[in-house]
Amino acid sequence: MSNPVQNLSSRLKDAWRNIFGDQFSGHFNPIESEGLRAVCHTSLPADPAFSAAWESLLVAAPFATAFHSPAWQTAVIATMAKEGRLRLIAVWHAEELVAVLPMSIRDDGLLETLAPGVSDYLDPLIHPDHEAAVWRILLKLLGTLRAGKWKNITFHNVRDTAPCRTILPELAAAEGFAFESTVYESCPCLTLPKTFDEFLGTLDGHERKETRRKLNKATTKGNARLTRCGSDPDEIAASLQIVLSMMEQAPGEKGEAVKRYLRPLLEKGAPALITQGKLWLTTLHINDEPAACTLQFPHRDGPELYNCGFDAAKKEWSSGVVLTAMIIQRAIESGAKTFDLLRGEEPYKYKLGAINRPLWMINLRKL
């Protein structure tokens, strides 16, 4: 007896192939050029050597963030990549992995960076010693993937300092692509002084007074303290459920987005990231009870604040202000140069003195 679910899946795949053509069927030939080899995968390679090579590339690329790591991208692929749509492009120089680009095909057939809504920085991860040569072979491969009607390729969440912004226009033109880039979002960021008192001195007078008052109340009357989750699996599991539950208390669409997207993503990826030291889960305790939590990605220039959660029942302690002030203080004391608040234009970020850093969207179109 036939399986109706399998039959439906088969019909959907046939319809997809009929609409978008064989170039979307998942069978691609590797391309070789200038001593490099570019491969397009339609599923994540299971070989541990691939993940190890990816980790080595992270070390070699000074701009890389946790968003570029195999632990994060593996979780994104597992929870957000639609069946048959993944296009994970890898470029090798002999046995060295020199580029990784997780891409996917949208419902309308266009090729774009995978799941930009959950990853704030997605500059293509390319070894700095091979940047131009990698782009030349990537453009050749992308040209084969973009045959037919659907010719556009979009790279999301590209930082202002990404090398591809300067070298790609000329290289793209040589391979028959039109290049277009535009600023479409920003990441507010603080430049940190040497002391926390100096930081408080940069705030508006009212904000400075209120921050000090709320900190004093929390520390003297609530015994406020921060704890960072360690690497014990049981501790990670318990702390992660606390922070997710608090994040889900956010009103409106933000709380719903946590339930729908971030919970499965973080349950999949956060344990490995925390164990590897690539994600900090920090909890603010008031009177020995969790009042607020935060997820931060450590970076060489300073922490990147990904998300926060608050216990609505403890709002009398102004836990949002207290938590933010205490993690900024901790960053300053650790010698951090910046405190990156990542995407989102919430007013509190600018009250802290954050300055927008642009994020670019790059579009390539095969001519």
Protein backbone atom coordinates (compact mmCIF):
# COMPACT_ATOMS: atom_id res chain seq x y z
CA MET A 1 0.00 0.00 0.00
CA SER A 2 1.42 3.38 -0.96
CA ASN A 3 2.27 5.96 1.69
CA PRO A 4 0.24 9.15 1.08
CA VAL A 5 2.80 11.33 2.88
CA GLN A 6 5.67 10.01 0.77
CA ASN A 7 3.58 10.35 -2.38
CA LEU A 8 2.82 13.99 -1.54
CA SER A 9 6.49 14.68 -0.83
CA SER A 10 7.46 13.12 -4.16
CA ARG A 11 4.88 15.19 -6.03
CA LEU A 12 6.08 18.37 -4.35
CA LYS A 13 9.68 17.63 -5.33
CA ASP A 14 8.61 16.95 -8.92
CA ALA A 15 6.65 20.21 -8.99
CA TRP A 16 9.66 22.11 -7.60
CA ARG A 17 11.91 20.60 -10.29
CA ASN A 18 9.42 21.38 -13.03
CA ILE A 19 9.09 25.00 -11.91
CA PHE A 20 12.71 25.82 -11.18
CA GLY A 21 14.61 23.40 -13.40
CA ASP A 22 17.37 20.84 -12.96
CA GLN A 23 19.78 23.40 -11.51
CA PHE A 24 17.74 23.15 -8.28
CA SER A 25 17.63 19.35 -8.16
CA GLY A 26 20.62 19.03 -5.86
CA HIS A 27 23.18 17.60 -8.29
CA PHE A 28 26.13 19.91 -8.91
CA ASN A 29 29.57 19.29 -10.31
CA PRO A 30 32.53 20.74 -8.36
CA ILE A 31 34.50 23.51 -10.05
CA GLU A 32 38.30 23.83 -10.00
CA SER A 33 40.27 26.99 -10.70
CA GLU A 34 43.56 28.60 -9.55
CA GLY A 35 44.34 25.65 -7.30
CA LEU A 36 40.96 25.87 -5.56
CA ARG A 37 38.01 23.49 -5.61
CA ALA A 38 34.45 24.71 -4.98
CA VAL A 39 31.77 22.24 -3.93
CA CYS A 40 28.05 22.79 -3.38
CA HIS A 41 26.46 20.52 -0.75
CA THR A 42 22.70 20.01 -0.42
CA SER A 43 23.11 18.58 3.07
CA LEU A 44 25.59 19.17 5.87
CA PRO A 45 28.63 16.87 5.47
CA ALA A 46 28.68 14.32 8.28
CA ASP A 47 32.46 13.86 8.23
CA PRO A 48 33.99 15.26 11.48
CA ALA A 49 36.97 16.40 9.41
CA PHE A 50 34.73 18.93 7.67
CA SER A 51 33.72 20.49 10.99
CA ALA A 52 37.36 20.50 12.14
CA ALA A 53 38.43 22.25 8.93
CA TRP A 54 35.62 24.78 9.45
CA GLU A 55 36.89 25.49 12.97
CA SER A 56 40.39 26.05 11.60
CA LEU A 57 38.99 28.55 9.10
CA LEU A 58 37.35 30.47 11.96
CA VAL A 59 40.75 30.89 13.60
CA ALA A 60 42.31 32.09 10.35
CA ALA A 61 39.56 34.66 9.67
CA PRO A 62 39.93 37.48 12.23
CA PHE A 63 36.49 38.96 11.47
CA ALA A 64 34.65 35.68 12.15
CA THR A 65 31.97 35.58 14.83
CA ALA A 66 30.00 32.81 16.52
CA PHE A 67 27.40 33.25 13.77
CA HIS A 68 30.00 31.86 11.34
CA SER A 69 30.81 28.81 13.49
CA PRO A 70 29.86 25.25 12.58
CA ALA A 71 28.02 24.85 15.90
CA TRP A 72 25.73 27.81 15.14
CA GLN A 73 25.26 27.09 11.44
CA THR A 74 24.64 23.38 12.07
CA ALA A 75 21.79 24.35 14.39
CA VAL A 76 20.45 26.84 11.85
CA ILE A 77 20.54 24.21 9.11
CA ALA A 78 18.84 21.61 11.33
CA THR A 79 16.01 23.89 12.46
CA MET A 80 15.50 26.40 9.64
CA ALA A 81 16.66 25.01 6.29
CA LYS A 82 13.75 23.70 4.24
CA GLU A 83 14.07 20.24 2.72
CA GLY A 84 16.00 20.28 -0.52
CA ARG A 85 16.77 24.01 -0.35
CA LEU A 86 20.19 24.06 1.36
CA ARG A 87 23.16 25.12 -0.77
CA LEU A 88 26.22 24.88 1.49
CA ILE A 89 29.15 26.06 -0.60
CA ALA A 90 32.67 25.08 0.45
CA VAL A 91 35.96 26.06 -1.20
CA TRP A 92 39.12 24.03 -0.62
CA HIS A 93 42.80 24.78 -1.19
CA ALA A 94 44.27 21.25 -1.17
CA GLU A 95 43.27 19.96 2.31
CA GLU A 96 42.58 23.42 3.73
CA LEU A 97 39.03 24.77 3.84
CA VAL A 98 39.24 28.42 2.74
CA ALA A 99 35.56 29.42 2.45
CA VAL A 100 32.12 28.38 3.70
CA LEU A 101 28.86 29.98 2.53
CA PRO A 102 25.60 28.56 3.91
CA MET A 103 22.97 29.50 1.31
CA SER A 104 19.42 28.39 0.58
CA ILE A 105 16.75 28.71 -2.07
CA ARG A 106 13.76 30.82 -1.12
CA ASP A 107 10.17 29.91 -1.88
CA ASP A 108 10.33 32.16 -4.95
CA GLY A 109 13.45 30.42 -6.25
CA LEU A 110 16.02 33.08 -5.40
CA LEU A 111 19.34 32.07 -3.81
CA GLU A 112 20.23 33.88 -0.57
CA THR A 113 22.17 33.65 2.66
CA LEU A 114 20.59 31.06 4.94
CA ALA A 115 18.21 32.32 7.66
CA PRO A 116 19.40 35.94 7.98
CA GLY A 117 16.67 36.67 10.51
CA VAL A 118 18.49 34.81 13.31
CA SER A 119 22.15 35.56 12.47
CA ASP A 120 23.21 39.18 12.83
CA TYR A 121 26.54 38.91 10.97
CA LEU A 122 26.80 36.83 7.81
CA ASP A 123 29.76 38.22 5.86
CA PRO A 124 30.92 35.32 3.66
CA LEU A 125 33.48 33.34 5.66
CA ILE A 126 36.60 33.44 3.48
CA HIS A 127 40.26 32.98 4.40
CA PRO A 128 41.89 36.44 4.10
CA ASP A 129 44.87 35.02 2.15
CA HIS A 130 42.59 33.72 -0.60
CA GLU A 131 39.84 36.35 -0.79
CA ALA A 132 40.07 37.36 -4.46
CA ALA A 133 40.75 33.85 -5.82
CA VAL A 134 37.90 32.42 -3.73
CA TRP A 135 35.45 34.99 -5.09
CA ARG A 136 36.49 34.24 -8.66
CA ILE A 137 35.70 30.54 -8.27
CA LEU A 138 32.58 31.27 -6.22
CA LEU A 139 31.25 33.47 -9.00
CA LYS A 140 31.84 30.69 -11.50
CA LEU A 141 29.95 28.24 -9.30
CA LEU A 142 27.17 30.70 -8.59
CA GLY A 143 26.82 31.26 -12.31
CA THR A 144 26.03 27.56 -12.78
CA LEU A 145 23.53 27.61 -9.90
CA ARG A 146 21.76 30.63 -11.34
CA ALA A 147 21.11 29.37 -14.86
CA GLY A 148 17.65 30.02 -16.26
CA LYS A 149 15.09 32.52 -15.08
CA TRP A 150 16.08 32.88 -11.41
CA LYS A 151 19.32 34.84 -11.69
CA ASN A 152 19.53 36.78 -8.41
CA ILE A 153 21.81 36.00 -5.46
CA THR A 154 21.53 37.91 -2.19
CA PHE A 155 24.05 38.14 0.65
CA HIS A 156 22.49 39.46 3.86
CA ASN A 157 23.95 41.08 6.98
CA VAL A 158 27.29 42.09 5.50
CA ARG A 159 29.30 44.40 7.72
CA ASP A 160 30.73 47.71 6.57
CA THR A 161 34.30 46.40 6.85
CA ALA A 162 33.74 43.17 4.87
CA PRO A 163 36.38 42.85 2.11
CA CYS A 164 33.79 41.68 -0.41
CA ARG A 165 32.24 45.16 -0.46
CA THR A 166 35.33 46.57 -2.15
CA ILE A 167 36.64 43.70 -4.28
CA LEU A 168 33.41 42.09 -5.44
CA PRO A 169 32.05 44.77 -7.84
CA GLU A 170 34.93 44.42 -10.30
CA LEU A 171 35.19 40.65 -9.96
CA ALA A 172 31.44 40.24 -10.39
CA ALA A 173 31.44 42.30 -13.57
CA ALA A 174 34.22 40.12 -15.02
CA GLU A 175 32.06 37.03 -14.48
CA GLY A 176 28.93 38.57 -15.96
CA PHE A 177 27.13 39.66 -12.81
CA ALA A 178 25.57 43.01 -12.03
CA PHE A 179 26.45 44.18 -8.49
CA GLU A 180 24.22 46.18 -6.18
CA SER A 181 24.56 46.93 -2.48
CA THR A 182 22.44 48.88 -0.03
CA VAL A 183 22.30 49.57 3.69
CA TYR A 184 19.10 48.07 5.03
CA GLU A 185 19.76 47.60 8.76
CA SER A 186 22.14 48.62 11.55
CA CYS A 187 23.78 47.21 14.64
CA PRO A 188 24.05 49.79 17.45
CA CYS A 189 27.40 49.50 19.22
CA LEU A 190 29.04 51.12 22.26
CA THR A 191 32.67 52.21 22.31
CA LEU A 192 33.75 51.50 25.86
CA PRO A 193 35.92 53.77 28.03
CA LYS A 194 38.49 52.42 30.47
CA THR A 195 36.32 52.57 33.60
CA PHE A 196 32.67 52.05 34.45
CA ASP A 197 32.52 55.48 36.11
CA GLU A 198 33.64 57.02 32.82
CA PHE A 199 30.89 55.12 31.04
CA LEU A 200 28.26 56.39 33.48
CA GLY A 201 29.60 59.87 32.90
CA THR A 202 28.71 59.61 29.21
CA LEU A 203 25.03 59.07 29.98
CA ASP A 204 22.37 61.73 30.08
CA GLY A 205 22.13 63.19 33.58
CA HIS A 206 18.75 61.61 34.33
CA GLU A 207 19.82 58.22 32.93
CA ARG A 208 23.03 58.32 34.95
CA LYS A 209 21.17 59.10 38.17
CA GLU A 210 18.53 56.41 37.59
CA THR A 211 21.10 53.77 36.65
CA ARG A 212 23.08 54.39 39.80
CA ARG A 213 19.93 54.38 41.94
CA LYS A 214 18.66 51.11 40.47
CA LEU A 215 22.05 49.45 40.75
CA ASN A 216 22.36 50.56 44.37
CA LYS A 217 18.89 49.25 45.24
CA ALA A 218 19.51 45.89 43.54
CA THR A 219 22.89 45.35 45.17
CA THR A 220 22.13 46.60 48.69
CA LYS A 221 18.54 45.37 49.08
CA GLY A 222 18.41 42.50 46.60
CA ASN A 223 21.95 41.12 46.84
CA ALA A 224 22.20 41.35 43.04
CA ARG A 225 24.86 39.16 41.50
CA LEU A 226 25.75 37.74 38.10
CA THR A 227 26.55 34.12 37.38
CA ARG A 228 27.78 32.67 34.11
CA CYS A 229 26.75 29.16 33.09
CA GLY A 230 29.59 26.65 33.08
CA SER A 231 30.17 23.62 30.88
CA ASP A 232 28.33 20.99 32.92
CA PRO A 233 25.57 19.54 30.68
CA ASP A 234 22.96 19.52 33.44
CA GLU A 235 23.72 23.14 34.34
CA ILE A 236 23.52 24.16 30.68
CA ALA A 237 20.17 22.41 30.19
CA ALA A 238 18.64 23.99 33.31
CA SER A 239 20.01 27.49 32.64
CA LEU A 240 18.93 27.39 29.00
CA GLN A 241 15.33 26.56 29.95
CA ILE A 242 15.29 29.49 32.38
CA VAL A 243 16.55 31.98 29.81
CA LEU A 244 14.20 30.70 27.10
CA SER A 245 11.22 30.90 29.43
CA MET A 246 12.11 34.48 30.31
CA MET A 247 12.64 35.43 26.66
CA GLU A 248 9.21 34.03 25.84
CA GLN A 249 7.67 36.47 28.31
CA ALA A 250 8.50 39.34 25.95
CA PRO A 251 5.26 40.94 24.74
CA GLY A 252 3.80 40.58 21.27
CA GLU A 253 5.71 39.34 18.25
CA LYS A 254 9.05 39.17 20.04
CA GLY A 255 7.88 36.53 22.49
CA GLU A 256 6.15 34.59 19.72
CA ALA A 257 9.32 34.66 17.63
CA VAL A 258 11.25 33.12 20.52
CA LYS A 259 8.74 30.28 20.78
CA ARG A 260 8.61 29.65 17.05
CA TYR A 261 12.21 30.16 15.94
CA LEU A 262 14.73 30.85 18.70
CA ARG A 263 13.74 28.11 21.14
CA PRO A 264 14.35 25.22 18.70
CA LEU A 265 17.47 26.93 17.34
CA LEU A 266 19.01 27.56 20.77
CA GLU A 267 18.02 24.19 22.19
CA LYS A 268 19.88 22.66 19.26
CA GLY A 269 22.94 24.91 19.12
CA ALA A 270 23.46 26.62 22.48
CA PRO A 271 24.80 23.63 24.48
CA ALA A 272 27.73 23.13 22.10
CA LEU A 273 28.42 26.86 21.87
CA ILE A 274 28.39 27.27 25.66
CA THR A 275 30.68 24.26 26.09
CA GLN A 276 33.10 25.69 23.50
CA GLY A 277 33.09 29.11 25.20
CA LYS A 278 31.46 30.75 22.15
CA LEU A 279 28.25 31.69 23.97
CA TRP A 280 27.86 33.20 27.43
CA LEU A 281 24.64 32.55 29.31
CA THR A 282 24.63 35.01 32.19
CA THR A 283 21.97 35.21 34.88
CA LEU A 284 21.14 38.11 37.20
CA HIS A 285 20.06 36.84 40.61
CA ILE A 286 18.01 38.99 42.97
CA ASN A 287 17.72 37.55 46.47
CA ASP A 288 19.14 34.31 45.10
CA GLU A 289 16.42 33.91 42.47
CA PRO A 290 16.84 34.37 38.69
CA ALA A 291 15.49 37.79 37.69
CA ALA A 292 16.97 38.21 34.21
CA CYS A 293 19.20 36.35 31.76
CA THR A 294 21.28 37.28 28.77
CA LEU A 295 22.96 35.52 25.87
CA GLN A 296 26.20 37.06 24.63
CA PHE A 297 28.73 35.98 22.04
CA PRO A 298 32.31 36.73 23.08
CA HIS A 299 34.40 38.47 20.43
CA ARG A 300 37.95 39.76 20.39
CA ASP A 301 36.76 43.39 20.49
CA GLY A 302 34.08 42.84 23.12
CA PRO A 303 30.81 40.98 23.80
CA GLU A 304 27.96 40.82 21.31
CA LEU A 305 24.57 40.95 23.05
CA TYR A 306 22.23 38.52 21.29
CA ASN A 307 19.15 38.45 23.51
CA CYS A 308 17.84 38.99 27.02
CA GLY A 309 14.97 37.64 29.08
CA PHE A 310 13.31 39.05 32.18
CA ASP A 311 11.05 37.67 34.88
CA ALA A 312 7.98 39.91 34.72
CA ALA A 313 7.22 39.12 38.37
CA LYS A 314 10.43 40.91 39.43
CA LYS A 315 10.02 44.14 37.49
CA GLU A 316 10.17 46.15 40.74
CA TRP A 317 13.92 45.55 40.68
CA SER A 318 14.39 47.14 37.23
CA SER A 319 16.21 43.97 36.26
CA GLY A 320 16.66 45.07 32.64
CA VAL A 321 18.58 48.20 33.59
CA VAL A 322 20.53 46.41 36.31
CA LEU A 323 21.49 43.46 34.10
CA THR A 324 22.58 45.69 31.23
CA ALA A 325 24.66 47.93 33.49
CA MET A 326 26.34 44.99 35.20
CA ILE A 327 27.31 43.17 31.99
CA ILE A 328 28.67 46.43 30.53
CA GLN A 329 30.67 46.94 33.72
CA ARG A 330 32.01 43.40 33.47
CA ALA A 331 32.98 43.98 29.82
CA ILE A 332 34.86 47.19 30.71
CA GLU A 333 36.69 45.49 33.56
CA SER A 334 37.74 42.69 31.21
CA GLY A 335 39.34 45.23 28.84
CA ALA A 336 36.74 45.08 26.06
CA LYS A 337 36.90 47.88 23.49
CA THR A 338 33.29 47.65 22.36
CA PHE A 339 29.93 46.35 23.50
CA ASP A 340 27.96 45.29 20.43
CA LEU A 341 24.17 45.47 20.88
CA LEU A 342 23.56 43.77 17.52
CA ARG A 343 20.43 44.36 15.45
CA GLY A 344 17.37 46.19 16.67
CA GLU A 345 16.73 49.87 17.24
CA GLU A 346 15.31 49.70 20.75
CA PRO A 347 15.48 53.13 22.43
CA TYR A 348 17.50 51.89 25.40
CA LYS A 349 20.49 51.20 23.13
CA TYR A 350 20.76 54.83 22.10
CA LYS A 351 20.22 56.03 25.67
CA LEU A 352 23.37 54.06 26.47
CA GLY A 353 25.20 55.99 23.76
CA ALA A 354 25.27 53.36 21.03
CA ILE A 355 26.17 54.40 17.47
CA ASN A 356 24.76 52.58 14.47
CA ARG A 357 27.07 50.42 12.39
CA PRO A 358 25.56 49.66 8.97
CA LEU A 359 24.69 46.25 7.64
CA TRP A 360 24.64 45.83 3.90
CA MET A 361 22.63 43.65 1.56
CA ILE A 362 24.54 42.68 -1.58
CA ASN A 363 22.67 41.55 -4.68
CA LEU A 364 24.27 39.84 -7.65
CA ARG A 365 22.32 39.28 -10.86
CA LYS A 366 23.54 37.12 -13.69
CA LEU A 367 23.41 39.13 -16.92
